[in-house]
Amino acid sequence: MTTTAQAGAPAPAAGRRRKATAPAPTGPDRIPKPSQGWYRVPGTDIKLRRVTTILNGGYPKPELVFWSANLTAADAFATLPTLVAASLNPAAKEEAYDWLRKGHIRKKEERGDLGTAAHTLVEAHVLGTPLPEELLNDPEMAPYLDHFLRFVAEWEVEFEASEMTVGNFTDGYAGKLDYLFRSRPIAAALKVPADTLFLGDTKTGGELDEKGVYPEAGLQMSAYRRAEVCWLRDGTQLPMPKLHDVGIVLHLRPEGYRPHPLKCGDDVFDAFLHVWQVAEFKRVLAKSVVGEALTLPNVSEERAA
């Protein structure tokens, strides 16, 4: 994969005044921002493909099919009398059908809101900033905060960065990692030096004793680990620090927490590049693979030829 540059603007017509050059970005404005699946590097024509966009386009998720089907079935039985009554009225039937088929969207939005709130709690702790009042007073968020603080205390976590944008100019991608940290107990459990720097991520889906952490997270972390540069909050660009090839995903749920080690070494990064190829096939080449159906030529025209 290579960095993609935007096409240059056409030259101004003769006699037309040339627009003033925009001032070079300074401070936090130097940090690339995501836009439509890309990270655009301020002050340049460089676009870096967004890591999450790559994974969404190229990584299969068959478990979501079963999850969606199970959710629809559960919603149907939970509202069975309403659905039966709606089936007798065409307008009500259409409305009920639309509600039923969008159950997975509603659930994902709920989980998305919860995940965002949990990340906000984590980031506030890492940066030492006050927690937003709406989250601090939200009883639903209280157990998440309690379990996160337990994780930090029990595993002696020392954070180095949070919500950091990182990029790889050689391969042409960028993303925002959750946090970097050190932990003496985790290092001891993995039999590595105590000052080892780890990639960290937080997941809030699923159930604590069931699926909630998936291999896809290892692909994402491998891309962040192989980033070449990172941007500090003041916009300073620095070389990416050396990270261990095992990252930690904190599975945070109301009933507790579990830290899961995930491989994110070079072999997983090779798989990430393959996923990227699949995503690019679907985005570009796949649109021209299937041609129009052929029709038999006119027999008389064929003989005349």
Protein backbone atom coordinates (compact mmCIF):
# COMPACT_ATOMS: atom_id res chain seq x y z
CA MET A 1 0.00 0.00 0.00
CA THR A 2 1.28 3.46 -0.77
CA THR A 3 0.37 6.96 0.33
CA THR A 4 -2.32 8.52 -1.87
CA ALA A 5 -2.08 12.20 -2.80
CA GLN A 6 -5.00 14.34 -3.78
CA ALA A 7 -5.10 15.61 -7.34
CA GLY A 8 -3.77 19.14 -7.71
CA ALA A 9 -6.10 22.03 -8.56
CA PRO A 10 -6.03 23.37 -12.14
CA ALA A 11 -3.84 26.40 -12.88
CA PRO A 12 -5.66 29.76 -12.65
CA ALA A 13 -6.74 31.37 -15.88
CA ALA A 14 -4.62 34.22 -17.30
CA GLY A 15 -5.28 37.53 -15.63
CA ARG A 16 -7.11 35.93 -12.69
CA ARG A 17 -5.69 36.74 -9.26
CA ARG A 18 -4.05 33.81 -7.53
CA LYS A 19 -5.53 32.96 -4.15
CA ALA A 20 -3.38 33.62 -1.13
CA THR A 21 -1.54 30.58 0.18
CA ALA A 22 -3.04 29.24 3.39
CA PRO A 23 -0.76 29.64 6.41
CA ALA A 24 1.08 26.52 7.52
CA PRO A 25 -0.81 24.70 10.29
CA THR A 26 0.51 25.19 13.80
CA GLY A 27 -0.11 23.58 17.16
CA PRO A 28 -2.81 20.90 17.36
CA ASP A 29 -3.91 21.84 13.82
CA ARG A 30 -0.91 19.80 12.61
CA ILE A 31 -2.54 16.56 13.75
CA PRO A 32 -4.19 14.60 10.89
CA LYS A 33 -7.98 14.44 11.14
CA PRO A 34 -10.22 11.62 9.85
CA SER A 35 -12.49 12.41 6.91
CA GLN A 36 -14.49 9.95 4.78
CA GLY A 37 -12.26 6.96 5.47
CA TRP A 38 -8.96 8.85 5.29
CA TYR A 39 -6.68 10.85 7.55
CA ARG A 40 -5.64 14.05 5.81
CA VAL A 41 -2.23 15.40 6.81
CA PRO A 42 -2.59 19.20 7.30
CA GLY A 43 -0.44 21.38 5.07
CA THR A 44 0.14 18.58 2.54
CA ASP A 45 -1.71 16.68 -0.17
CA ILE A 46 -1.16 13.39 1.66
CA LYS A 47 -4.09 11.12 2.54
CA LEU A 48 -3.59 8.10 4.78
CA ARG A 49 -6.20 5.33 4.78
CA ARG A 50 -8.07 5.00 8.07
CA VAL A 51 -7.31 1.74 9.89
CA THR A 52 -10.90 1.15 11.02
CA THR A 53 -12.16 1.76 7.47
CA ILE A 54 -9.74 -0.89 6.19
CA LEU A 55 -10.95 -3.43 8.74
CA ASN A 56 -14.63 -2.66 8.17
CA GLY A 57 -14.18 -3.18 4.44
CA GLY A 58 -11.93 -6.23 4.39
CA TYR A 59 -12.42 -8.30 7.54
CA PRO A 60 -15.29 -10.82 7.54
CA LYS A 61 -17.57 -10.80 10.58
CA PRO A 62 -19.85 -13.86 10.32
CA GLU A 63 -20.61 -13.69 14.04
CA LEU A 64 -22.55 -10.48 13.41
CA VAL A 65 -24.96 -12.36 11.14
CA PHE A 66 -25.90 -14.78 13.93
CA TRP A 67 -25.99 -11.98 16.50
CA SER A 68 -28.36 -9.96 14.32
CA ALA A 69 -30.59 -12.97 13.66
CA ASN A 70 -30.75 -13.86 17.37
CA LEU A 71 -31.55 -10.24 18.26
CA THR A 72 -34.38 -10.11 15.72
CA ALA A 73 -35.84 -13.38 17.03
CA ALA A 74 -35.66 -12.11 20.63
CA ASP A 75 -37.35 -8.83 19.70
CA ALA A 76 -40.08 -10.71 17.85
CA PHE A 77 -40.97 -12.95 20.80
CA ALA A 78 -40.73 -10.03 23.25
CA THR A 79 -43.32 -8.08 21.23
CA LEU A 80 -45.31 -10.97 19.77
CA PRO A 81 -48.83 -9.69 20.64
CA THR A 82 -48.01 -6.29 19.12
CA LEU A 83 -46.63 -7.88 15.96
CA VAL A 84 -49.67 -10.13 15.57
CA ALA A 85 -52.01 -7.16 15.91
CA ALA A 86 -49.91 -5.12 13.47
CA SER A 87 -50.07 -7.91 10.88
CA LEU A 88 -53.81 -7.21 10.42
CA ASN A 89 -53.23 -3.61 9.32
CA PRO A 90 -51.06 -2.90 6.24
CA ALA A 91 -49.65 0.39 7.54
CA ALA A 92 -48.97 -0.97 11.03
CA LYS A 93 -47.48 -4.12 9.52
CA GLU A 94 -44.99 -2.11 7.46
CA GLU A 95 -44.02 -0.04 10.48
CA ALA A 96 -43.58 -3.13 12.68
CA TYR A 97 -41.54 -4.85 9.97
CA ASP A 98 -39.25 -1.83 9.67
CA TRP A 99 -38.81 -1.68 13.47
CA LEU A 100 -38.03 -5.39 13.68
CA ARG A 101 -35.44 -5.44 10.91
CA LYS A 102 -33.57 -2.46 12.40
CA GLY A 103 -33.12 -4.01 15.83
CA HIS A 104 -29.41 -4.63 15.26
CA ILE A 105 -28.91 -0.97 14.31
CA ARG A 106 -30.56 0.22 17.52
CA LYS A 107 -28.46 -2.16 19.57
CA LYS A 108 -25.21 -1.13 17.88
CA GLU A 109 -26.03 2.53 18.47
CA GLU A 110 -26.68 1.82 22.15
CA ARG A 111 -23.40 -0.05 22.44
CA GLY A 112 -21.63 2.66 20.49
CA ASP A 113 -22.85 5.33 22.90
CA LEU A 114 -21.78 3.17 25.83
CA GLY A 115 -18.35 2.50 24.32
CA THR A 116 -17.80 6.20 23.63
CA ALA A 117 -18.75 7.08 27.19
CA ALA A 118 -16.41 4.43 28.59
CA HIS A 119 -13.54 5.73 26.42
CA THR A 120 -14.25 9.25 27.70
CA LEU A 121 -13.96 8.01 31.29
CA VAL A 122 -10.67 6.28 30.52
CA GLU A 123 -9.24 9.30 28.69
CA ALA A 124 -10.19 11.69 31.50
CA HIS A 125 -8.38 9.47 34.00
CA VAL A 126 -5.29 9.12 31.81
CA LEU A 127 -5.05 12.89 31.24
CA GLY A 128 -5.98 13.80 34.79
CA THR A 129 -8.88 15.95 33.61
CA PRO A 130 -12.27 16.20 35.37
CA LEU A 131 -14.90 13.69 34.36
CA PRO A 132 -17.82 15.16 32.41
CA GLU A 133 -20.72 15.83 34.79
CA GLU A 134 -23.22 13.90 32.64
CA LEU A 135 -21.04 10.77 32.93
CA LEU A 136 -20.02 11.29 36.54
CA ASN A 137 -23.70 11.39 37.55
CA ASP A 138 -24.77 8.53 35.28
CA PRO A 139 -25.47 5.41 37.40
CA GLU A 140 -25.05 3.21 34.32
CA MET A 141 -21.45 4.37 33.95
CA ALA A 142 -20.51 4.01 37.63
CA PRO A 143 -19.55 0.30 37.48
CA TYR A 144 -17.43 0.88 34.36
CA LEU A 145 -15.46 3.58 36.14
CA ASP A 146 -15.09 1.48 39.29
CA HIS A 147 -13.79 -1.54 37.37
CA PHE A 148 -11.45 0.58 35.28
CA LEU A 149 -9.94 2.13 38.42
CA ARG A 150 -9.59 -1.37 39.87
CA PHE A 151 -7.72 -2.47 36.75
CA VAL A 152 -5.36 0.51 37.05
CA ALA A 153 -4.70 -0.11 40.75
CA GLU A 154 -4.48 -3.90 40.74
CA TRP A 155 -2.25 -4.08 37.65
CA GLU A 156 -0.14 -1.03 38.59
CA VAL A 157 -0.85 0.65 35.27
CA GLU A 158 1.19 3.72 34.33
CA PHE A 159 -0.13 5.49 31.25
CA GLU A 160 2.14 7.14 28.69
CA ALA A 161 -0.39 8.39 26.11
CA SER A 162 -4.10 8.37 25.34
CA GLU A 163 -6.16 8.82 22.16
CA MET A 164 -2.97 9.34 20.14
CA THR A 165 -3.05 9.68 16.35
CA VAL A 166 -0.39 7.55 14.65
CA GLY A 167 0.55 7.07 11.02
CA ASN A 168 2.58 5.01 8.59
CA PHE A 169 3.67 7.04 5.55
CA THR A 170 5.37 4.10 3.84
CA ASP A 171 2.27 1.91 3.74
CA GLY A 172 -0.15 4.83 3.75
CA TYR A 173 -2.46 4.46 6.76
CA ALA A 174 -3.26 6.20 10.04
CA GLY A 175 -5.47 5.74 13.08
CA LYS A 176 -6.01 6.67 16.70
CA LEU A 177 -4.89 4.24 19.38
CA ASP A 178 -6.56 4.06 22.79
CA TYR A 179 -3.54 4.29 25.05
CA LEU A 180 0.08 3.29 25.72
CA PHE A 181 1.04 2.07 29.17
CA ARG A 182 3.45 0.14 31.35
CA SER A 183 2.49 -2.46 33.95
CA ARG A 184 4.88 -4.43 36.09
CA PRO A 185 2.39 -7.29 36.78
CA ILE A 186 1.45 -7.62 33.10
CA ALA A 187 5.12 -7.58 32.11
CA ALA A 188 5.79 -10.31 34.68
CA ALA A 189 2.86 -12.39 33.40
CA LEU A 190 4.20 -12.13 29.83
CA LYS A 191 7.81 -12.69 31.00
CA VAL A 192 9.15 -9.43 29.57
CA PRO A 193 11.09 -6.55 31.18
CA ALA A 194 9.13 -4.51 33.73
CA ASP A 195 9.48 -1.27 31.73
CA THR A 196 8.00 -2.76 28.53
CA LEU A 197 5.64 -0.38 26.74
CA PHE A 198 2.28 -1.91 25.74
CA LEU A 199 -0.54 -0.95 23.41
CA GLY A 200 -3.88 -0.84 25.18
CA ASP A 201 -7.49 -0.88 24.00
CA THR A 202 -10.85 -0.99 25.79
CA LYS A 203 -13.85 -3.04 24.66
CA THR A 204 -17.27 -2.87 26.30
CA GLY A 205 -19.36 -5.26 24.18
CA GLY A 206 -20.52 -8.82 24.79
CA GLU A 207 -20.56 -10.44 28.20
CA LEU A 208 -17.62 -10.92 30.53
CA ASP A 209 -17.79 -14.72 30.44
CA GLU A 210 -18.57 -14.83 26.71
CA LYS A 211 -17.30 -13.26 23.52
CA GLY A 212 -16.48 -9.60 23.71
CA VAL A 213 -12.90 -9.48 22.45
CA TYR A 214 -12.24 -10.59 18.87
CA PRO A 215 -9.09 -11.27 16.79
CA GLU A 216 -9.87 -8.21 14.67
CA ALA A 217 -8.57 -6.11 17.58
CA GLY A 218 -5.16 -7.71 17.09
CA LEU A 219 -5.14 -6.60 13.45
CA GLN A 220 -5.95 -3.05 14.49
CA MET A 221 -3.28 -3.03 17.17
CA SER A 222 -0.69 -4.46 14.78
CA ALA A 223 -1.26 -1.52 12.45
CA TYR A 224 -0.81 0.95 15.30
CA ARG A 225 2.29 -0.87 16.50
CA ARG A 226 3.87 -0.62 13.04
CA ALA A 227 3.15 3.10 12.74
CA GLU A 228 6.19 5.19 11.91
CA VAL A 229 5.16 8.44 13.58
CA CYS A 230 2.81 9.75 16.26
CA TRP A 231 1.43 13.18 17.04
CA LEU A 232 1.41 14.67 20.51
CA ARG A 233 -1.54 16.78 21.62
CA ASP A 234 0.35 19.98 20.85
CA GLY A 235 0.78 18.83 17.24
CA THR A 236 4.41 17.74 17.56
CA GLN A 237 5.26 14.80 15.30
CA LEU A 238 7.59 12.20 16.82
CA PRO A 239 8.90 8.76 15.83
CA MET A 240 6.63 5.97 17.06
CA PRO A 241 8.04 4.41 20.25
CA LYS A 242 8.97 0.74 20.29
CA LEU A 243 6.06 -1.40 21.50
CA HIS A 244 5.76 -5.01 22.56
CA ASP A 245 4.28 -7.44 20.02
CA VAL A 246 1.51 -8.38 22.46
CA GLY A 247 -1.09 -5.74 23.26
CA ILE A 248 -3.68 -5.69 26.04
CA VAL A 249 -7.42 -5.34 25.49
CA LEU A 250 -9.30 -4.40 28.63
CA HIS A 251 -12.75 -6.00 28.46
CA LEU A 252 -14.78 -3.67 30.64
CA ARG A 253 -18.29 -4.67 31.69
CA PRO A 254 -20.71 -3.70 34.50
CA GLU A 255 -20.01 -7.04 36.21
CA GLY A 256 -16.21 -6.70 36.16
CA TYR A 257 -13.15 -6.51 33.94
CA ARG A 258 -10.64 -8.80 32.25
CA PRO A 259 -7.34 -7.89 30.57
CA HIS A 260 -6.79 -10.02 27.44
CA PRO A 261 -3.38 -10.29 25.76
CA LEU A 262 -3.62 -10.05 21.96
CA LYS A 263 -0.85 -10.82 19.50
CA CYS A 264 -0.05 -7.82 17.31
CA GLY A 265 3.36 -8.72 15.93
CA ASP A 266 4.69 -8.78 12.39
CA ASP A 267 2.77 -11.90 11.38
CA VAL A 268 -0.51 -10.27 12.42
CA PHE A 269 0.52 -7.10 10.58
CA ASP A 270 1.05 -9.17 7.40
CA ALA A 271 -2.55 -10.36 7.82
CA PHE A 272 -3.66 -6.74 8.23
CA LEU A 273 -2.06 -5.87 4.87
CA HIS A 274 -3.92 -8.81 3.30
CA VAL A 275 -7.20 -7.56 4.78
CA TRP A 276 -6.38 -4.18 3.24
CA GLN A 277 -6.01 -5.79 -0.19
CA VAL A 278 -9.44 -7.38 0.19
CA ALA A 279 -10.92 -4.04 1.26
CA GLU A 280 -9.38 -2.31 -1.75
CA PHE A 281 -10.72 -5.02 -4.06
CA LYS A 282 -14.22 -4.43 -2.74
CA ARG A 283 -13.80 -0.64 -2.93
CA VAL A 284 -12.35 -0.41 -6.45
CA LEU A 285 -11.84 -3.48 -8.65
CA ALA A 286 -14.95 -5.39 -7.58
CA LYS A 287 -17.15 -2.73 -9.19
CA SER A 288 -15.88 -3.66 -12.65
CA VAL A 289 -15.44 -7.43 -12.31
CA VAL A 290 -18.95 -8.52 -13.31
CA GLY A 291 -19.88 -7.53 -16.86
CA GLU A 292 -23.28 -7.20 -18.51
CA ALA A 293 -24.98 -10.48 -19.44
CA LEU A 294 -24.18 -11.60 -22.99
CA THR A 295 -26.89 -12.01 -25.62
CA LEU A 296 -26.84 -14.40 -28.55
CA PRO A 297 -25.95 -12.66 -31.84
CA ASN A 298 -28.58 -12.46 -34.60
CA VAL A 299 -28.15 -15.62 -36.70
CA SER A 300 -28.76 -13.89 -40.04
CA GLU A 301 -26.27 -11.14 -39.23
CA GLU A 302 -23.69 -13.76 -38.24
CA ARG A 303 -24.07 -15.63 -41.56
CA ALA A 304 -23.84 -12.40 -43.56
CA ALA A 305 -20.60 -11.56 -41.85
